[in-house]
Amino acid sequence: MMIIKRQAGMTGIGWLTVLALIGFFVALGLTILPIQIESYKVSKALERLNSVPHITKKTKKEVVGLLLNQFSIDDVKSVKAEHIKYSKEKGVLTITVEYENRRSFIKPYDIVGVFKEELKVIER
């Protein structure tokens, strides 16, 4: 009797498919990661405002200036002054940052992150 051995393993097309999938997910991760890092920087900048002395007595212009200065230091480019909302009610200062971060992925598709960060400070 003759025993026929079959070849095992992937073909060249199989390897190309696997490599293309790995490349796609690496590109996706490298596009999403800067969006998440910037979101983290925005939330940390808001938390730092909590430690500013007499923050509840500062004007909107002063608070926005402090935030924009921190964003400049942290290299946050997606947040502008018009994305920062400031309100004071019953001794509670609320600062809200609503913005979107758009990154080009594969032409013509973009990846968009929509974020809303909020800080409430009670007057001391």
Protein backbone atom coordinates (compact mmCIF):
# COMPACT_ATOMS: atom_id res chain seq x y z
CA MET A 1 0.00 0.00 0.00
CA MET A 2 1.08 3.51 -0.74
CA ILE A 3 0.85 6.18 1.97
CA ILE A 4 0.17 9.69 0.71
CA LYS A 5 1.51 12.52 2.83
CA ARG A 6 -0.38 15.77 2.73
CA GLN A 7 1.38 19.05 3.00
CA ALA A 8 0.48 21.00 6.15
CA GLY A 9 0.73 24.72 6.76
CA MET A 10 -0.56 27.96 5.38
CA THR A 11 -0.22 29.11 1.83
CA GLY A 12 1.28 32.41 0.81
CA ILE A 13 -2.19 33.93 0.51
CA GLY A 14 -3.01 32.76 4.03
CA TRP A 15 0.11 34.45 5.42
CA LEU A 16 -0.66 37.66 3.53
CA THR A 17 -4.17 37.68 4.98
CA VAL A 18 -2.85 37.23 8.52
CA LEU A 19 -0.24 39.97 8.04
CA ALA A 20 -2.85 42.34 6.57
CA LEU A 21 -5.12 41.79 9.60
CA ILE A 22 -2.26 42.35 12.02
CA GLY A 23 -1.28 45.53 10.14
CA PHE A 24 -4.87 46.81 10.22
CA PHE A 25 -5.20 46.37 13.98
CA VAL A 26 -1.77 47.90 14.67
CA ALA A 27 -2.73 50.95 12.57
CA LEU A 28 -6.06 51.16 14.41
CA GLY A 29 -4.32 51.03 17.79
CA LEU A 30 -1.75 53.65 16.77
CA THR A 31 -4.60 55.95 15.72
CA ILE A 32 -6.76 55.47 18.84
CA LEU A 33 -3.93 55.65 21.37
CA PRO A 34 -3.14 59.40 20.90
CA ILE A 35 -6.86 60.21 21.19
CA GLN A 36 -7.04 58.39 24.53
CA ILE A 37 -3.81 59.94 25.80
CA GLU A 38 -5.12 63.42 25.01
CA SER A 39 -8.38 62.65 26.82
CA TYR A 40 -6.37 61.57 29.86
CA LYS A 41 -4.39 64.84 29.76
CA VAL A 42 -7.62 66.88 29.67
CA SER A 43 -9.05 65.06 32.69
CA LYS A 44 -5.78 65.49 34.63
CA ALA A 45 -5.70 69.22 33.81
CA LEU A 46 -9.23 69.56 35.21
CA GLU A 47 -8.22 67.67 38.36
CA ARG A 48 -5.25 70.04 38.82
CA LEU A 49 -7.70 72.97 38.92
CA ASN A 50 -9.09 71.48 42.11
CA SER A 51 -5.81 72.25 43.87
CA VAL A 52 -5.68 75.90 42.74
CA PRO A 53 -6.27 78.16 45.76
CA HIS A 54 -9.52 80.15 45.68
CA ILE A 55 -10.53 78.65 42.31
CA THR A 56 -14.20 79.31 43.07
CA LYS A 57 -13.50 83.05 43.32
CA LYS A 58 -11.79 83.29 39.94
CA THR A 59 -13.55 84.66 36.87
CA LYS A 60 -14.38 82.61 33.81
CA LYS A 61 -11.54 84.28 31.89
CA GLU A 62 -9.02 83.36 34.60
CA VAL A 63 -10.18 79.74 34.81
CA VAL A 64 -10.19 79.30 31.03
CA GLY A 65 -6.72 80.89 30.92
CA LEU A 66 -5.43 78.44 33.54
CA LEU A 67 -6.86 75.50 31.62
CA LEU A 68 -5.57 76.65 28.23
CA ASN A 69 -2.13 77.21 29.75
CA GLN A 70 -2.14 73.66 31.12
CA PHE A 71 -3.33 72.32 27.73
CA SER A 72 -0.46 74.15 26.07
CA ILE A 73 2.04 72.60 28.48
CA ASP A 74 0.55 69.12 27.99
CA ASP A 75 0.37 69.54 24.18
CA VAL A 76 -3.43 69.19 23.98
CA LYS A 77 -4.44 70.49 20.57
CA SER A 78 -8.11 69.44 20.31
CA VAL A 79 -9.50 71.72 23.03
CA LYS A 80 -10.09 75.40 22.33
CA ALA A 81 -11.54 78.13 24.58
CA GLU A 82 -15.01 77.70 23.06
CA HIS A 83 -15.09 74.07 24.26
CA ILE A 84 -14.85 75.13 27.92
CA LYS A 85 -18.06 75.93 29.79
CA TYR A 86 -18.06 77.63 33.18
CA SER A 87 -20.97 77.99 35.60
CA LYS A 88 -21.35 78.92 39.25
CA GLU A 89 -24.50 78.06 41.19
CA LYS A 90 -25.08 77.98 44.95
CA GLY A 91 -21.38 77.89 45.82
CA VAL A 92 -20.58 75.12 43.34
CA LEU A 93 -18.26 75.88 40.43
CA THR A 94 -18.79 73.59 37.44
CA ILE A 95 -16.26 73.47 34.62
CA THR A 96 -17.15 71.35 31.61
CA VAL A 97 -14.92 70.59 28.63
CA GLU A 98 -16.79 69.17 25.62
CA TYR A 99 -14.73 68.47 22.52
CA GLU A 100 -14.11 66.02 19.73
CA ASN A 101 -10.80 64.63 18.59
CA ARG A 102 -10.65 63.57 14.94
CA ARG A 103 -7.77 61.56 13.47
CA SER A 104 -7.34 60.40 9.90
CA PHE A 105 -7.29 56.61 9.62
CA ILE A 106 -7.55 55.16 6.14
CA LYS A 107 -8.58 57.68 3.49
CA PRO A 108 -11.45 58.73 3.41
CA TYR A 109 -12.26 57.40 6.90
CA ASP A 110 -11.57 59.17 10.19
CA ILE A 111 -11.71 58.00 13.77
CA VAL A 112 -13.58 60.44 15.98
CA GLY A 113 -13.58 60.54 19.76
CA VAL A 114 -16.27 62.67 21.42
CA PHE A 115 -15.48 63.59 25.01
CA LYS A 116 -17.14 65.42 27.89
CA GLU A 117 -15.11 66.01 31.04
CA GLU A 118 -16.59 67.79 34.04
CA LEU A 119 -15.24 69.14 37.32
CA LYS A 120 -17.36 70.35 40.23
CA VAL A 121 -15.67 72.36 42.97
CA ILE A 122 -17.52 73.28 46.15
CA GLU A 123 -16.65 76.68 47.61
CA ARG A 124 -14.51 76.33 50.72
